[in-house]
Amino acid sequence: MQTSESPSVFADHRLTGPSRRGVVVAGEALIDLIQGPDRSLVPHLGGSPWNLARALGRLGCEVSYFNPLSTDDFGEQLAQALQDSRVLCMGGRTQRPTSLAVVKVDAQGHPDYAFYREGVADRDLAPSSLLQRWPPAALLFHVGSLAVMPPDGQAWLATLSALVGRGIATSIDINMRPRVAADPKAYARMSRQILAQGRVVKVSDEDLEALELHGDPRVQARTLLNDITQVVVLTLGAEGAWGLTREAEHFQPPERVPEVDTVGAGDCFYAGFLAHLIEFGVLDGPSVPAADQVARALAFGNRVTAVNLQRAGCQPPWRHEV
């Protein structure tokens, strides 16, 4: 097994033009109500898959966002932001309300989330309907985060399995939320099954703990590789990220830039990683990505993140800014 830890792969990294291969993204689009020092709640557009869709659109990918959006004011804002990032809203609109997350930040800066997701817009479409509505030109499907939590996770598991059977490349950012799961152990078991259906998957060291994969994160992340899962991206927060395949490992340290905040940093990083794989046709066939391809994809994801870190909130960069 080859291991590398060089941060110098930026030197000859060039993107030659926008991707012409489609991506379908599914998952929550919500409003983060962030509590300020005076206990007031300030709304921010968010949702990990929604952030990733915007980032991919700005990087030149042809992106379709699967889930419906509400006709309420928040839904209008979410839809407009996708449109402004050149993302097609394939899920249409619904009169159900936009999902909400109330975010409280403790004295150490750690956020605590409370989600309000009963009867909400982004859940107003059965995952199985994607199989009938799949765009013929789409190469990649991405899902993750709250969408794959119980009770919806089982339906997404079946849909992922069907897409894999069709030869569609799949991507999963599991983004575990054990604090809001009714049964954390059952949630962990189902999440491991879902990850096993991803050709490319992203996990953090905290995700691995929630998945009941304890111990050295790099060792545990490697256990996620299987006949379907070819690449595992392991993020370690401010320490950097690993790209793991059965044949090789590559470590990407973070780029040091002045930070405004870290909102959406992980979503931007993974969007850059996927955009590179799509751009260079790495996901076109069944072959496992080569070590240098993974290294360059990590490096490009790093550059995308560096731009976002220098802005307030999740503001993914456009292609020319990277």
Protein backbone atom coordinates (compact mmCIF):
# COMPACT_ATOMS: atom_id res chain seq x y z
CA MET A 1 0.00 0.00 0.00
CA GLN A 2 1.34 3.39 -1.02
CA THR A 3 1.21 6.30 1.43
CA SER A 4 1.96 9.93 0.63
CA GLU A 5 1.78 13.17 2.56
CA SER A 6 2.88 15.84 0.10
CA PRO A 7 1.11 19.23 0.12
CA SER A 8 2.77 20.26 -3.15
CA VAL A 9 0.22 18.87 -5.59
CA PHE A 10 -1.15 22.37 -6.26
CA ALA A 11 1.86 23.12 -8.45
CA ASP A 12 0.65 21.48 -11.67
CA HIS A 13 -3.06 21.27 -10.90
CA ARG A 14 -5.16 22.78 -13.69
CA LEU A 15 -8.83 22.49 -14.54
CA THR A 16 -9.45 22.79 -18.24
CA GLY A 17 -13.13 23.68 -18.39
CA PRO A 18 -16.54 23.14 -16.80
CA SER A 19 -17.82 19.61 -16.41
CA ARG A 20 -20.47 18.37 -18.84
CA ARG A 21 -21.45 15.40 -16.71
CA GLY A 22 -24.51 15.73 -14.52
CA VAL A 23 -24.82 15.33 -10.75
CA VAL A 24 -28.02 14.77 -8.77
CA VAL A 25 -27.93 15.86 -5.12
CA ALA A 26 -30.52 14.83 -2.51
CA GLY A 27 -30.89 15.84 1.11
CA GLU A 28 -32.09 18.57 3.38
CA ALA A 29 -32.42 22.26 2.57
CA LEU A 30 -33.17 24.09 5.79
CA ILE A 31 -32.85 27.28 7.79
CA ASP A 32 -30.31 27.41 10.61
CA LEU A 33 -31.67 29.66 13.35
CA ILE A 34 -28.47 30.58 15.15
CA GLN A 35 -28.86 31.93 18.67
CA GLY A 36 -26.92 35.09 19.37
CA PRO A 37 -25.53 36.33 22.73
CA ASP A 38 -28.86 38.10 23.39
CA ARG A 39 -30.76 34.84 22.66
CA SER A 40 -32.17 36.24 19.42
CA LEU A 41 -32.34 33.79 16.50
CA VAL A 42 -30.78 34.84 13.20
CA PRO A 43 -31.80 32.78 10.13
CA HIS A 44 -29.16 31.39 7.74
CA LEU A 45 -29.76 29.30 4.61
CA GLY A 46 -28.23 25.85 5.01
CA GLY A 47 -28.30 22.09 4.89
CA SER A 48 -25.22 20.05 4.03
CA PRO A 49 -26.48 18.59 0.71
CA TRP A 50 -27.93 21.97 -0.30
CA ASN A 51 -24.54 23.60 0.40
CA LEU A 52 -22.79 20.91 -1.65
CA ALA A 53 -25.17 21.37 -4.59
CA ARG A 54 -24.44 25.11 -4.67
CA ALA A 55 -20.70 24.53 -4.43
CA LEU A 56 -20.73 21.99 -7.28
CA GLY A 57 -22.81 24.33 -9.44
CA ARG A 58 -20.37 27.19 -8.92
CA LEU A 59 -17.46 24.90 -9.79
CA GLY A 60 -18.95 24.19 -13.21
CA CYS A 61 -20.80 20.90 -12.68
CA GLU A 62 -24.29 20.42 -14.10
CA VAL A 63 -26.25 19.92 -10.87
CA SER A 64 -29.86 18.97 -10.20
CA TYR A 65 -31.24 19.27 -6.65
CA PHE A 66 -33.79 16.49 -6.10
CA ASN A 67 -35.79 17.50 -3.02
CA PRO A 68 -38.84 19.81 -3.11
CA LEU A 69 -38.59 23.31 -1.69
CA SER A 70 -41.33 25.16 0.16
CA THR A 71 -43.43 27.95 -1.28
CA ASP A 72 -42.89 29.88 1.97
CA ASP A 73 -40.45 32.79 2.17
CA PHE A 74 -37.57 30.61 3.35
CA GLY A 75 -38.21 28.20 0.48
CA GLU A 76 -38.13 31.10 -1.98
CA GLN A 77 -34.73 32.13 -0.64
CA LEU A 78 -33.37 28.57 -0.83
CA ALA A 79 -34.64 28.18 -4.40
CA GLN A 80 -33.20 31.51 -5.51
CA ALA A 81 -29.81 30.70 -4.00
CA LEU A 82 -29.71 27.43 -5.94
CA GLN A 83 -30.71 29.20 -9.14
CA ASP A 84 -28.03 31.84 -8.58
CA SER A 85 -25.48 28.99 -8.33
CA ARG A 86 -26.72 27.44 -11.60
CA VAL A 87 -28.43 24.49 -9.93
CA LEU A 88 -31.64 23.05 -11.38
CA CYS A 89 -34.44 22.48 -8.84
CA MET A 90 -35.88 19.19 -10.11
CA GLY A 91 -38.04 18.55 -7.04
CA GLY A 92 -40.45 21.41 -7.65
CA ARG A 93 -42.29 23.27 -4.90
CA THR A 94 -44.63 22.24 -2.09
CA GLN A 95 -46.81 24.07 0.42
CA ARG A 96 -45.18 22.22 3.29
CA PRO A 97 -42.95 24.45 5.45
CA THR A 98 -39.19 24.70 5.27
CA SER A 99 -37.24 22.56 7.74
CA LEU A 100 -35.65 24.42 10.67
CA ALA A 101 -32.60 23.86 12.85
CA VAL A 102 -32.10 25.85 16.06
CA VAL A 103 -28.39 26.19 16.75
CA LYS A 104 -26.99 27.09 20.16
CA VAL A 105 -23.25 27.63 20.54
CA ASP A 106 -21.63 26.95 23.92
CA ALA A 107 -18.77 28.87 25.54
CA GLN A 108 -16.22 26.65 23.77
CA GLY A 109 -17.76 27.38 20.38
CA HIS A 110 -19.38 23.95 19.91
CA PRO A 111 -22.82 24.04 18.28
CA ASP A 112 -25.81 22.13 19.63
CA TYR A 113 -28.63 21.45 17.15
CA ALA A 114 -32.36 20.95 17.54
CA PHE A 115 -34.11 19.97 14.30
CA TYR A 116 -37.73 20.51 13.28
CA ARG A 117 -38.39 18.12 10.39
CA GLU A 118 -41.91 16.73 10.70
CA GLY A 119 -44.07 17.39 7.64
CA VAL A 120 -41.42 19.59 5.98
CA ALA A 121 -40.84 20.44 2.34
CA ASP A 122 -37.62 18.56 1.64
CA ARG A 123 -39.19 15.26 2.80
CA ASP A 124 -42.28 15.65 0.58
CA LEU A 125 -41.04 13.25 -2.11
CA ALA A 126 -40.39 9.51 -1.92
CA PRO A 127 -36.73 8.55 -2.48
CA SER A 128 -37.85 5.78 -4.86
CA SER A 129 -39.31 8.38 -7.25
CA LEU A 130 -35.74 9.28 -8.20
CA LEU A 131 -35.47 6.00 -10.09
CA GLN A 132 -38.22 7.11 -12.52
CA ARG A 133 -36.94 10.69 -12.76
CA TRP A 134 -33.22 10.03 -13.18
CA PRO A 135 -31.71 12.46 -15.75
CA PRO A 136 -30.17 10.44 -18.62
CA ALA A 137 -27.01 12.60 -18.67
CA ALA A 138 -26.33 12.32 -14.94
CA LEU A 139 -23.20 10.48 -13.90
CA LEU A 140 -23.22 10.83 -10.10
CA PHE A 141 -25.74 10.74 -7.27
CA HIS A 142 -24.99 12.28 -3.87
CA VAL A 143 -26.98 12.02 -0.64
CA GLY A 144 -26.27 12.32 3.06
CA SER A 145 -26.79 14.00 6.40
CA LEU A 146 -30.33 14.25 7.82
CA ALA A 147 -31.91 12.66 4.73
CA VAL A 148 -30.45 9.25 5.56
CA MET A 149 -31.48 9.25 9.21
CA PRO A 150 -34.35 7.00 10.33
CA PRO A 151 -37.06 6.68 9.22
CA ASP A 152 -36.09 7.90 5.72
CA GLY A 153 -32.73 6.13 5.68
CA GLN A 154 -34.18 2.73 4.81
CA ALA A 155 -35.87 4.11 1.69
CA TRP A 156 -32.66 5.82 0.63
CA LEU A 157 -30.75 2.59 1.19
CA ALA A 158 -33.05 0.79 -1.27
CA THR A 159 -32.74 3.63 -3.80
CA LEU A 160 -28.95 3.68 -3.52
CA SER A 161 -28.80 -0.07 -4.07
CA ALA A 162 -30.95 0.28 -7.19
CA LEU A 163 -28.75 3.07 -8.58
CA VAL A 164 -25.61 1.02 -7.94
CA GLY A 165 -27.27 -1.83 -9.83
CA ARG A 166 -27.74 0.53 -12.77
CA GLY A 167 -24.06 1.41 -12.78
CA ILE A 168 -24.57 4.95 -11.43
CA ALA A 169 -21.69 6.31 -9.34
CA THR A 170 -22.83 7.14 -5.81
CA SER A 171 -21.49 9.54 -3.18
CA ILE A 172 -22.41 9.72 0.51
CA ASP A 173 -21.50 12.26 3.19
CA ILE A 174 -22.96 10.55 6.24
CA ASN A 175 -22.63 13.60 8.56
CA MET A 176 -23.84 11.71 11.65
CA ARG A 177 -26.28 13.35 14.08
CA PRO A 178 -26.49 10.84 16.97
CA ARG A 179 -27.86 13.40 19.45
CA VAL A 180 -31.12 13.68 17.52
CA ALA A 181 -31.52 9.96 16.80
CA ALA A 182 -34.20 8.09 18.75
CA ASP A 183 -32.03 4.94 18.77
CA PRO A 184 -28.34 5.82 18.18
CA LYS A 185 -27.28 2.17 17.85
CA ALA A 186 -29.90 1.37 15.20
CA TYR A 187 -28.98 4.62 13.46
CA ALA A 188 -25.31 3.57 13.43
CA ARG A 189 -26.12 0.14 11.99
CA MET A 190 -28.26 1.56 9.21
CA SER A 191 -25.68 4.27 8.44
CA ARG A 192 -22.98 1.64 7.96
CA GLN A 193 -25.27 -0.15 5.49
CA ILE A 194 -25.86 3.11 3.61
CA LEU A 195 -22.14 3.91 3.45
CA ALA A 196 -21.52 0.48 1.94
CA GLN A 197 -23.54 1.61 -1.12
CA GLY A 198 -21.34 4.64 -1.85
CA ARG A 199 -18.61 4.52 -4.45
CA VAL A 200 -17.09 7.61 -2.82
CA VAL A 201 -17.86 8.33 0.83
CA LYS A 202 -16.91 11.07 3.27
CA VAL A 203 -16.64 10.61 7.04
CA SER A 204 -15.08 12.60 9.85
CA ASP A 205 -13.34 11.26 12.92
CA GLU A 206 -16.48 12.21 14.88
CA ASP A 207 -18.66 10.34 12.39
CA LEU A 208 -16.61 7.18 12.95
CA GLU A 209 -17.26 7.34 16.69
CA ALA A 210 -21.00 7.74 16.06
CA LEU A 211 -20.81 4.77 13.66
CA GLU A 212 -19.36 2.72 16.56
CA LEU A 213 -16.04 2.41 14.74
CA HIS A 214 -13.70 3.23 17.61
CA GLY A 215 -9.93 3.53 17.61
CA ASP A 216 -7.48 4.96 15.09
CA PRO A 217 -9.67 6.92 12.62
CA ARG A 218 -7.51 6.04 9.62
CA VAL A 219 -7.64 2.33 10.44
CA GLN A 220 -11.39 2.42 11.01
CA ALA A 221 -12.03 4.46 7.86
CA ARG A 222 -10.26 1.78 5.82
CA THR A 223 -12.82 -0.79 7.02
CA LEU A 224 -15.43 1.09 4.97
CA LEU A 225 -13.72 0.10 1.69
CA ASN A 226 -15.46 -2.77 -0.10
CA ASP A 227 -16.37 -4.00 -3.59
CA ILE A 228 -18.59 -0.91 -4.10
CA THR A 229 -16.79 1.71 -1.99
CA GLN A 230 -13.57 2.63 -3.80
CA VAL A 231 -12.63 5.89 -2.03
CA VAL A 232 -13.05 7.05 1.56
CA VAL A 233 -12.40 10.71 2.37
CA LEU A 234 -11.58 11.03 6.08
CA THR A 235 -11.70 14.58 7.41
CA LEU A 236 -9.96 15.54 10.64
CA GLY A 237 -11.16 19.11 11.04
CA ALA A 238 -8.35 21.65 11.23
CA GLU A 239 -5.76 18.86 11.02
CA GLY A 240 -6.49 18.01 7.37
CA ALA A 241 -7.90 15.04 5.46
CA TRP A 242 -6.98 11.60 4.14
CA GLY A 243 -7.97 10.06 0.85
CA LEU A 244 -8.03 6.27 1.19
CA THR A 245 -8.27 3.51 -1.41
CA ARG A 246 -7.29 -0.14 -1.11
CA GLU A 247 -4.05 0.58 -2.93
CA ALA A 248 -2.96 3.92 -1.49
CA GLU A 249 -3.39 6.69 1.07
CA HIS A 250 -2.78 10.40 0.70
CA PHE A 251 -2.82 13.03 3.45
CA GLN A 252 -3.76 16.62 2.63
CA PRO A 253 -2.87 19.22 5.27
CA PRO A 254 -5.09 22.31 5.45
CA GLU A 255 -4.17 25.51 3.69
CA ARG A 256 -3.51 28.20 6.29
CA VAL A 257 -5.63 31.27 5.57
CA PRO A 258 -7.27 33.98 7.72
CA GLU A 259 -10.57 32.45 8.85
CA VAL A 260 -13.85 34.34 9.21
CA ASP A 261 -15.72 31.18 10.24
CA THR A 262 -15.89 27.48 9.31
CA VAL A 263 -19.53 27.33 8.19
CA GLY A 264 -19.85 25.00 5.20
CA ALA A 265 -16.13 24.24 5.10
CA GLY A 266 -16.59 20.46 4.96
CA ASP A 267 -19.26 20.75 2.25
CA CYS A 268 -17.04 22.99 0.12
CA PHE A 269 -14.07 20.66 0.58
CA TYR A 270 -16.02 17.60 -0.52
CA ALA A 271 -17.60 19.50 -3.43
CA GLY A 272 -14.12 20.40 -4.67
CA PHE A 273 -13.01 16.79 -4.30
CA LEU A 274 -15.98 15.46 -6.29
CA ALA A 275 -15.75 18.21 -8.91
CA HIS A 276 -12.16 17.21 -9.67
CA LEU A 277 -13.07 13.52 -10.03
CA ILE A 278 -15.93 14.44 -12.37
CA GLU A 279 -13.85 16.91 -14.38
CA PHE A 280 -11.20 14.36 -15.22
CA GLY A 281 -13.56 11.48 -15.90
CA VAL A 282 -12.41 9.47 -12.89
CA LEU A 283 -15.97 8.29 -12.17
CA ASP A 284 -16.87 7.47 -15.78
CA GLY A 285 -15.95 3.78 -15.53
CA PRO A 286 -15.58 1.09 -12.89
CA SER A 287 -11.83 1.55 -12.35
CA VAL A 288 -10.57 2.52 -8.89
CA PRO A 289 -9.18 6.09 -8.90
CA ALA A 290 -5.39 6.18 -9.02
CA ALA A 291 -3.39 7.57 -6.11
CA ASP A 292 -2.38 10.75 -7.99
CA GLN A 293 -6.00 11.41 -8.95
CA VAL A 294 -7.10 11.19 -5.32
CA ALA A 295 -4.22 13.44 -4.25
CA ARG A 296 -5.11 16.11 -6.80
CA ALA A 297 -8.79 15.95 -5.90
CA LEU A 298 -7.93 16.51 -2.22
CA ALA A 299 -5.72 19.44 -3.16
CA PHE A 300 -8.46 21.05 -5.21
CA GLY A 301 -10.96 20.53 -2.39
CA ASN A 302 -8.49 22.28 -0.12
CA ARG A 303 -8.36 25.30 -2.41
CA VAL A 304 -12.16 25.52 -2.54
CA THR A 305 -12.32 25.38 1.27
CA ALA A 306 -9.63 28.05 1.67
CA VAL A 307 -11.75 30.58 -0.24
CA ASN A 308 -14.89 29.75 1.74
CA LEU A 309 -13.07 30.07 5.08
CA GLN A 310 -12.30 33.70 4.30
CA ARG A 311 -16.00 34.55 3.98
CA ALA A 312 -18.85 34.73 6.48
CA GLY A 313 -21.15 31.72 6.31
CA CYS A 314 -21.15 29.16 3.52
CA GLN A 315 -20.23 31.09 0.37
CA PRO A 316 -18.69 28.58 -2.06
CA PRO A 317 -16.29 30.08 -4.60
CA TRP A 318 -16.88 30.24 -8.32
CA ARG A 319 -14.55 28.30 -10.58
CA HIS A 320 -12.45 31.32 -11.56
CA GLU A 321 -11.91 32.20 -7.88
CA VAL A 322 -10.22 28.85 -7.27
